[in-house]
Amino acid sequence: MKISIYGAGCKKCNELYDNTHKAVSELGVKCEIEKVTEMEKIMDAGIMLTPAFGIDGDIKFSNKVPGVEELKGIIGT
């Protein structure tokens, strides 16, 4: 599994990245977590608002920062 956090590095993007790490750790899931900060790559993924979150190239949401528990539900499915 590869989780991508899309954003330029703003406070919300960093919060989503941190929450994702916590959720993955609590679930015990082995995966790669990457930050995508290049605007060209963000736009190529079809993302208009950041932060955004994707699993294996499938964008799950954008323009919000879910808490750890909500992320666990998204990652675990």
PDB file of N, CA and C in Angstrom:
ATOM      1  N   MET A   1       0.852  -1.173   0.000  1.00  0.00           N
ATOM      2  CA  MET A   1       0.000   0.000   0.000  1.00  0.00           C
ATOM      3  C   MET A   1       0.895   1.233   0.000  1.00  0.00           C
ATOM      4  N   LYS A   2       0.507   2.224  -0.791  1.00  0.00           N
ATOM      5  CA  LYS A   2       1.222   3.489  -0.834  1.00  0.00           C
ATOM      6  C   LYS A   2       0.230   4.613  -0.577  1.00  0.00           C
ATOM      7  N   ILE A   3       0.478   5.378   0.476  1.00  0.00           N
ATOM      8  CA  ILE A   3      -0.366   6.508   0.828  1.00  0.00           C
ATOM      9  C   ILE A   3       0.354   7.780   0.409  1.00  0.00           C
ATOM     10  N   SER A   4      -0.379   8.650  -0.275  1.00  0.00           N
ATOM     11  CA  SER A   4       0.185   9.916  -0.727  1.00  0.00           C
ATOM     12  C   SER A   4      -0.560  11.067  -0.068  1.00  0.00           C
ATOM     13  N   ILE A   5       0.212  11.998   0.488  1.00  0.00           N
ATOM     14  CA  ILE A   5      -0.330  13.223   1.054  1.00  0.00           C
ATOM     15  C   ILE A   5       0.064  14.345   0.092  1.00  0.00           C
ATOM     16  N   TYR A   6      -0.931  14.986  -0.493  1.00  0.00           N
ATOM     17  CA  TYR A   6      -0.695  16.032  -1.474  1.00  0.00           C
ATOM     18  C   TYR A   6      -0.852  17.405  -0.838  1.00  0.00           C
ATOM     19  N   GLY A   7       0.155  18.266  -1.020  1.00  0.00           N
ATOM     20  CA  GLY A   7       0.092  19.625  -0.516  1.00  0.00           C
ATOM     21  C   GLY A   7       1.457  20.268  -0.538  1.00  0.00           C
ATOM     22  N   ALA A   8       1.457  21.587  -0.471  1.00  0.00           N
ATOM     23  CA  ALA A   8       2.699  22.350  -0.602  1.00  0.00           C
ATOM     24  C   ALA A   8       3.499  22.439   0.698  1.00  0.00           C
ATOM     25  N   GLY A   9       2.991  21.867   1.767  1.00  0.00           N
ATOM     26  CA  GLY A   9       3.723  21.898   3.032  1.00  0.00           C
ATOM     27  C   GLY A   9       3.149  22.871   4.048  1.00  0.00           C
ATOM     28  N   CYS A  10       1.892  23.250   3.864  1.00  0.00           N
ATOM     29  CA  CYS A  10       1.250  24.158   4.809  1.00  0.00           C
ATOM     30  C   CYS A  10       0.966  23.430   6.132  1.00  0.00           C
ATOM     31  N   LYS A  11       0.468  24.165   7.097  1.00  0.00           N
ATOM     32  CA  LYS A  11       0.172  23.598   8.419  1.00  0.00           C
ATOM     33  C   LYS A  11      -0.808  22.430   8.319  1.00  0.00           C
ATOM     34  N   LYS A  12      -1.877  22.588   7.514  1.00  0.00           N
ATOM     35  CA  LYS A  12      -2.872  21.519   7.372  1.00  0.00           C
ATOM     36  C   LYS A  12      -2.272  20.288   6.699  1.00  0.00           C
ATOM     37  N   CYS A  13      -1.405  20.503   5.723  1.00  0.00           N
ATOM     38  CA  CYS A  13      -0.756  19.378   5.035  1.00  0.00           C
ATOM     39  C   CYS A  13       0.121  18.593   6.013  1.00  0.00           C
ATOM     40  N   ASN A  14       0.862  19.317   6.826  1.00  0.00           N
ATOM     41  CA  ASN A  14       1.725  18.665   7.809  1.00  0.00           C
ATOM     42  C   ASN A  14       0.906  17.941   8.872  1.00  0.00           C
ATOM     43  N   GLU A  15      -0.220  18.524   9.263  1.00  0.00           N
ATOM     44  CA  GLU A  15      -1.099  17.875  10.244  1.00  0.00           C
ATOM     45  C   GLU A  15      -1.675  16.572   9.677  1.00  0.00           C
ATOM     46  N   LEU A  16      -2.077  16.592   8.408  1.00  0.00           N
ATOM     47  CA  LEU A  16      -2.587  15.384   7.770  1.00  0.00           C
ATOM     48  C   LEU A  16      -1.498  14.316   7.694  1.00  0.00           C
ATOM     49  N   TYR A  17      -0.293  14.720   7.371  1.00  0.00           N
ATOM     50  CA  TYR A  17       0.837  13.784   7.309  1.00  0.00           C
ATOM     51  C   TYR A  17       1.075  13.151   8.688  1.00  0.00           C
ATOM     52  N   ASP A  18       1.088  13.961   9.735  1.00  0.00           N
ATOM     53  CA  ASP A  18       1.295  13.448  11.095  1.00  0.00           C
ATOM     54  C   ASP A  18       0.159  12.523  11.522  1.00  0.00           C
ATOM     55  N   ASN A  19      -1.083  12.916  11.265  1.00  0.00           N
ATOM     56  CA  ASN A  19      -2.232  12.081  11.612  1.00  0.00           C
ATOM     57  C   ASN A  19      -2.193  10.751  10.867  1.00  0.00           C
ATOM     58  N   THR A  20      -1.756  10.794   9.616  1.00  0.00           N
ATOM     59  CA  THR A  20      -1.650   9.563   8.822  1.00  0.00           C
ATOM     60  C   THR A  20      -0.628   8.620   9.428  1.00  0.00           C
ATOM     61  N   HIS A  21       0.519   9.152   9.832  1.00  0.00           N
ATOM     62  CA  HIS A  21       1.540   8.313  10.478  1.00  0.00           C
ATOM     63  C   HIS A  21       0.996   7.665  11.752  1.00  0.00           C
ATOM     64  N   LYS A  22       0.270   8.434  12.552  1.00  0.00           N
ATOM     65  CA  LYS A  22      -0.307   7.888  13.782  1.00  0.00           C
ATOM     66  C   LYS A  22      -1.321   6.796  13.473  1.00  0.00           C
ATOM     67  N   ALA A  23      -2.174   7.031  12.486  1.00  0.00           N
ATOM     68  CA  ALA A  23      -3.201   6.051  12.128  1.00  0.00           C
ATOM     69  C   ALA A  23      -2.567   4.752  11.631  1.00  0.00           C
ATOM     70  N   VAL A  24      -1.571   4.874  10.773  1.00  0.00           N
ATOM     71  CA  VAL A  24      -0.886   3.687  10.239  1.00  0.00           C
ATOM     72  C   VAL A  24      -0.203   2.921  11.366  1.00  0.00           C
ATOM     73  N   SER A  25       0.424   3.649  12.275  1.00  0.00           N
ATOM     74  CA  SER A  25       1.103   3.020  13.407  1.00  0.00           C
ATOM     75  C   SER A  25       0.118   2.273  14.308  1.00  0.00           C
ATOM     76  N   GLU A  26      -1.017   2.904  14.598  1.00  0.00           N
ATOM     77  CA  GLU A  26      -2.020   2.278  15.460  1.00  0.00           C
ATOM     78  C   GLU A  26      -2.661   1.059  14.796  1.00  0.00           C
ATOM     79  N   LEU A  27      -2.792   1.095  13.469  1.00  0.00           N
ATOM     80  CA  LEU A  27      -3.366  -0.044  12.740  1.00  0.00           C
ATOM     81  C   LEU A  27      -2.354  -1.173  12.554  1.00  0.00           C
ATOM     82  N   GLY A  28      -1.080  -0.835  12.647  1.00  0.00           N
ATOM     83  CA  GLY A  28      -0.039  -1.832  12.405  1.00  0.00           C
ATOM     84  C   GLY A  28       0.086  -2.204  10.934  1.00  0.00           C
ATOM     85  N   VAL A  29      -0.269  -1.272  10.071  1.00  0.00           N
ATOM     86  CA  VAL A  29      -0.234  -1.504   8.624  1.00  0.00           C
ATOM     87  C   VAL A  29       1.152  -1.162   8.089  1.00  0.00           C
ATOM     88  N   LYS A  30       1.645  -2.024   7.203  1.00  0.00           N
ATOM     89  CA  LYS A  30       2.911  -1.727   6.542  1.00  0.00           C
ATOM     90  C   LYS A  30       2.594  -1.028   5.240  1.00  0.00           C
ATOM     91  N   CYS A  31       3.130   0.179   5.096  1.00  0.00           N
ATOM     92  CA  CYS A  31       2.889   0.931   3.867  1.00  0.00           C
ATOM     93  C   CYS A  31       3.949   2.010   3.718  1.00  0.00           C
ATOM     94  N   GLU A  32       3.980   2.567   2.537  1.00  0.00           N
ATOM     95  CA  GLU A  32       4.850   3.702   2.257  1.00  0.00           C
ATOM     96  C   GLU A  32       3.985   4.954   2.322  1.00  0.00           C
ATOM     97  N   ILE A  33       4.483   5.987   2.999  1.00  0.00           N
ATOM     98  CA  ILE A  33       3.775   7.261   3.055  1.00  0.00           C
ATOM     99  C   ILE A  33       4.672   8.298   2.400  1.00  0.00           C
ATOM    100  N   GLU A  34       4.135   8.950   1.379  1.00  0.00           N
ATOM    101  CA  GLU A  34       4.920   9.953   0.675  1.00  0.00           C
ATOM    102  C   GLU A  34       4.229  11.302   0.720  1.00  0.00           C
ATOM    103  N   LYS A  35       5.040  12.361   0.705  1.00  0.00           N
ATOM    104  CA  LYS A  35       4.533  13.722   0.570  1.00  0.00           C
ATOM    105  C   LYS A  35       4.725  14.123  -0.884  1.00  0.00           C
ATOM    106  N   VAL A  36       3.657  14.585  -1.506  1.00  0.00           N
ATOM    107  CA  VAL A  36       3.733  15.089  -2.874  1.00  0.00           C
ATOM    108  C   VAL A  36       3.561  16.603  -2.792  1.00  0.00           C
ATOM    109  N   THR A  37       4.646  17.333  -3.043  1.00  0.00           N
ATOM    110  CA  THR A  37       4.621  18.782  -2.886  1.00  0.00           C
ATOM    111  C   THR A  37       4.729  19.542  -4.209  1.00  0.00           C
ATOM    112  N   GLU A  38       5.072  18.845  -5.280  1.00  0.00           N
ATOM    113  CA  GLU A  38       5.226  19.507  -6.574  1.00  0.00           C
ATOM    114  C   GLU A  38       3.849  19.800  -7.169  1.00  0.00           C
ATOM    115  N   MET A  39       3.595  21.064  -7.471  1.00  0.00           N
ATOM    116  CA  MET A  39       2.280  21.473  -7.956  1.00  0.00           C
ATOM    117  C   MET A  39       1.887  20.742  -9.238  1.00  0.00           C
ATOM    118  N   GLU A  40       2.834  20.469 -10.096  1.00  0.00           N
ATOM    119  CA  GLU A  40       2.526  19.760 -11.342  1.00  0.00           C
ATOM    120  C   GLU A  40       1.972  18.361 -11.053  1.00  0.00           C
ATOM    121  N   LYS A  41       2.582  17.659 -10.102  1.00  0.00           N
ATOM    122  CA  LYS A  41       2.113  16.319  -9.741  1.00  0.00           C
ATOM    123  C   LYS A  41       0.747  16.384  -9.053  1.00  0.00           C
ATOM    124  N   ILE A  42       0.544  17.404  -8.240  1.00  0.00           N
ATOM    125  CA  ILE A  42      -0.751  17.578  -7.564  1.00  0.00           C
ATOM    126  C   ILE A  42      -1.848  17.805  -8.602  1.00  0.00           C
ATOM    127  N   MET A  43      -1.577  18.663  -9.557  1.00  0.00           N
ATOM    128  CA  MET A  43      -2.560  18.952 -10.602  1.00  0.00           C
ATOM    129  C   MET A  43      -2.779  17.740 -11.508  1.00  0.00           C
ATOM    130  N   ASP A  44      -1.706  16.998 -11.807  1.00  0.00           N
ATOM    131  CA  ASP A  44      -1.838  15.790 -12.628  1.00  0.00           C
ATOM    132  C   ASP A  44      -2.740  14.751 -11.972  1.00  0.00           C
ATOM    133  N   ALA A  45      -2.785  14.768 -10.640  1.00  0.00           N
ATOM    134  CA  ALA A  45      -3.641  13.831  -9.909  1.00  0.00           C
ATOM    135  C   ALA A  45      -5.094  14.313  -9.883  1.00  0.00           C
ATOM    136  N   GLY A  46      -5.351  15.485 -10.449  1.00  0.00           N
ATOM    137  CA  GLY A  46      -6.711  16.018 -10.495  1.00  0.00           C
ATOM    138  C   GLY A  46      -7.138  16.733  -9.234  1.00  0.00           C
ATOM    139  N   ILE A  47      -6.181  17.097  -8.410  1.00  0.00           N
ATOM    140  CA  ILE A  47      -6.486  17.738  -7.121  1.00  0.00           C
ATOM    141  C   ILE A  47      -6.528  19.250  -7.300  1.00  0.00           C
ATOM    142  N   MET A  48      -7.626  19.843  -6.875  1.00  0.00           N
ATOM    143  CA  MET A  48      -7.793  21.294  -6.973  1.00  0.00           C
ATOM    144  C   MET A  48      -7.579  21.986  -5.623  1.00  0.00           C
ATOM    145  N   LEU A  49      -7.847  21.268  -4.526  1.00  0.00           N
ATOM    146  CA  LEU A  49      -7.695  21.834  -3.185  1.00  0.00           C
ATOM    147  C   LEU A  49      -6.863  20.892  -2.331  1.00  0.00           C
ATOM    148  N   THR A  50      -5.931  21.456  -1.573  1.00  0.00           N
ATOM    149  CA  THR A  50      -5.101  20.650  -0.685  1.00  0.00           C
ATOM    150  C   THR A  50      -5.415  21.025   0.755  1.00  0.00           C
ATOM    151  N   PRO A  51      -5.058  20.155   1.692  1.00  0.00           N
ATOM    152  CA  PRO A  51      -4.375  18.887   1.494  1.00  0.00           C
ATOM    153  C   PRO A  51      -5.312  17.833   0.912  1.00  0.00           C
ATOM    154  N   ALA A  52      -4.689  16.841   0.292  1.00  0.00           N
ATOM    155  CA  ALA A  52      -5.445  15.724  -0.260  1.00  0.00           C
ATOM    156  C   ALA A  52      -4.749  14.426   0.137  1.00  0.00           C
ATOM    157  N   PHE A  53      -5.506  13.336   0.050  1.00  0.00           N
ATOM    158  CA  PHE A  53      -5.054  12.038   0.548  1.00  0.00           C
ATOM    159  C   PHE A  53      -5.404  10.972  -0.470  1.00  0.00           C
ATOM    160  N   GLY A  54      -4.421  10.169  -0.839  1.00  0.00           N
ATOM    161  CA  GLY A  54      -4.672   9.089  -1.781  1.00  0.00           C
ATOM    162  C   GLY A  54      -4.060   7.784  -1.325  1.00  0.00           C
ATOM    163  N   ILE A  55      -4.689   6.679  -1.732  1.00  0.00           N
ATOM    164  CA  ILE A  55      -4.159   5.344  -1.467  1.00  0.00           C
ATOM    165  C   ILE A  55      -3.995   4.655  -2.807  1.00  0.00           C
ATOM    166  N   ASP A  56      -2.764   4.255  -3.092  1.00  0.00           N
ATOM    167  CA  ASP A  56      -2.444   3.573  -4.346  1.00  0.00           C
ATOM    168  C   ASP A  56      -2.990   4.324  -5.559  1.00  0.00           C
ATOM    169  N   GLY A  57      -2.849   5.646  -5.551  1.00  0.00           N
ATOM    170  CA  GLY A  57      -3.259   6.472  -6.674  1.00  0.00           C
ATOM    171  C   GLY A  57      -4.722   6.871  -6.693  1.00  0.00           C
ATOM    172  N   ASP A  58      -5.519   6.341  -5.780  1.00  0.00           N
ATOM    173  CA  ASP A  58      -6.951   6.666  -5.700  1.00  0.00           C
ATOM    174  C   ASP A  58      -7.142   7.773  -4.660  1.00  0.00           C
ATOM    175  N   ILE A  59      -7.559   8.962  -5.116  1.00  0.00           N
ATOM    176  CA  ILE A  59      -7.741  10.088  -4.202  1.00  0.00           C
ATOM    177  C   ILE A  59      -8.993   9.846  -3.362  1.00  0.00           C
ATOM    178  N   LYS A  60      -8.806   9.810  -2.056  1.00  0.00           N
ATOM    179  CA  LYS A  60      -9.913   9.531  -1.133  1.00  0.00           C
ATOM    180  C   LYS A  60     -10.636  10.801  -0.679  1.00  0.00           C
ATOM    181  N   PHE A  61      -9.899  11.907  -0.518  1.00  0.00           N
ATOM    182  CA  PHE A  61     -10.516  13.173  -0.136  1.00  0.00           C
ATOM    183  C   PHE A  61      -9.525  14.300  -0.360  1.00  0.00           C
ATOM    184  N   SER A  62     -10.062  15.523  -0.372  1.00  0.00           N
ATOM    185  CA  SER A  62      -9.205  16.704  -0.432  1.00  0.00           C
ATOM    186  C   SER A  62      -9.848  17.823   0.386  1.00  0.00           C
ATOM    187  N   ASN A  63      -9.029  18.802   0.710  1.00  0.00           N
ATOM    188  CA  ASN A  63      -9.458  20.010   1.412  1.00  0.00           C
ATOM    189  C   ASN A  63     -10.012  19.742   2.808  1.00  0.00           C
ATOM    190  N   LYS A  64      -9.462  18.732   3.488  1.00  0.00           N
ATOM    191  CA  LYS A  64      -9.834  18.522   4.883  1.00  0.00           C
ATOM    192  C   LYS A  64      -8.727  17.759   5.598  1.00  0.00           C
ATOM    193  N   VAL A  65      -8.774  17.793   6.919  1.00  0.00           N
ATOM    194  CA  VAL A  65      -7.787  17.096   7.742  1.00  0.00           C
ATOM    195  C   VAL A  65      -8.542  16.239   8.753  1.00  0.00           C
ATOM    196  N   PRO A  66      -8.803  14.981   8.395  1.00  0.00           N
ATOM    197  CA  PRO A  66      -9.483  14.088   9.333  1.00  0.00           C
ATOM    198  C   PRO A  66      -8.588  13.762  10.532  1.00  0.00           C
ATOM    199  N   GLY A  67      -9.242  13.412  11.625  1.00  0.00           N
ATOM    200  CA  GLY A  67      -8.509  12.964  12.790  1.00  0.00           C
ATOM    201  C   GLY A  67      -7.992  11.545  12.591  1.00  0.00           C
ATOM    202  N   VAL A  68      -7.227  11.088  13.539  1.00  0.00           N
ATOM    203  CA  VAL A  68      -6.603   9.765  13.464  1.00  0.00           C
ATOM    204  C   VAL A  68      -7.652   8.664  13.332  1.00  0.00           C
ATOM    205  N   GLU A  69      -8.726   8.724  14.095  1.00  0.00           N
ATOM    206  CA  GLU A  69      -9.740   7.668  14.057  1.00  0.00           C
ATOM    207  C   GLU A  69     -10.417   7.582  12.694  1.00  0.00           C
ATOM    208  N   GLU A  70     -10.741   8.732  12.106  1.00  0.00           N
ATOM    209  CA  GLU A  70     -11.357   8.715  10.774  1.00  0.00           C
ATOM    210  C   GLU A  70     -10.379   8.170   9.733  1.00  0.00           C
ATOM    211  N   LEU A  71      -9.121   8.545   9.839  1.00  0.00           N
ATOM    212  CA  LEU A  71      -8.113   8.036   8.907  1.00  0.00           C
ATOM    213  C   LEU A  71      -7.947   6.525   9.036  1.00  0.00           C
ATOM    214  N   LYS A  72      -8.035   6.026  10.254  1.00  0.00           N
ATOM    215  CA  LYS A  72      -7.934   4.580  10.446  1.00  0.00           C
ATOM    216  C   LYS A  72      -9.055   3.872   9.688  1.00  0.00           C
ATOM    217  N   GLY A  73     -10.236   4.444   9.691  1.00  0.00           N
ATOM    218  CA  GLY A  73     -11.355   3.860   8.938  1.00  0.00           C
ATOM    219  C   GLY A  73     -11.103   3.892   7.439  1.00  0.00           C
ATOM    220  N   ILE A  74     -10.527   4.969   6.954  1.00  0.00           N
ATOM    221  CA  ILE A  74     -10.254   5.096   5.520  1.00  0.00           C
ATOM    222  C   ILE A  74      -9.142   4.139   5.110  1.00  0.00           C
ATOM    223  N   ILE A  75      -8.097   4.073   5.893  1.00  0.00           N
ATOM    224  CA  ILE A  75      -6.944   3.214   5.566  1.00  0.00           C
ATOM    225  C   ILE A  75      -7.290   1.748   5.717  1.00  0.00           C
ATOM    226  N   GLY A  76      -8.097   1.428   6.708  1.00  0.00           N
ATOM    227  CA  GLY A  76      -8.424   0.037   6.998  1.00  0.00           C
ATOM    228  C   GLY A  76      -9.394  -0.596   6.015  1.00  0.00           C
ATOM    229  N   THR A  77      -9.998   0.198   5.139  1.00  0.00           N
ATOM    230  CA  THR A  77     -10.979  -0.347   4.197  1.00  0.00           C
ATOM    231  C   THR A  77     -10.374  -0.637   2.854  1.00  0.00           C
TER     232      THR A  77
END
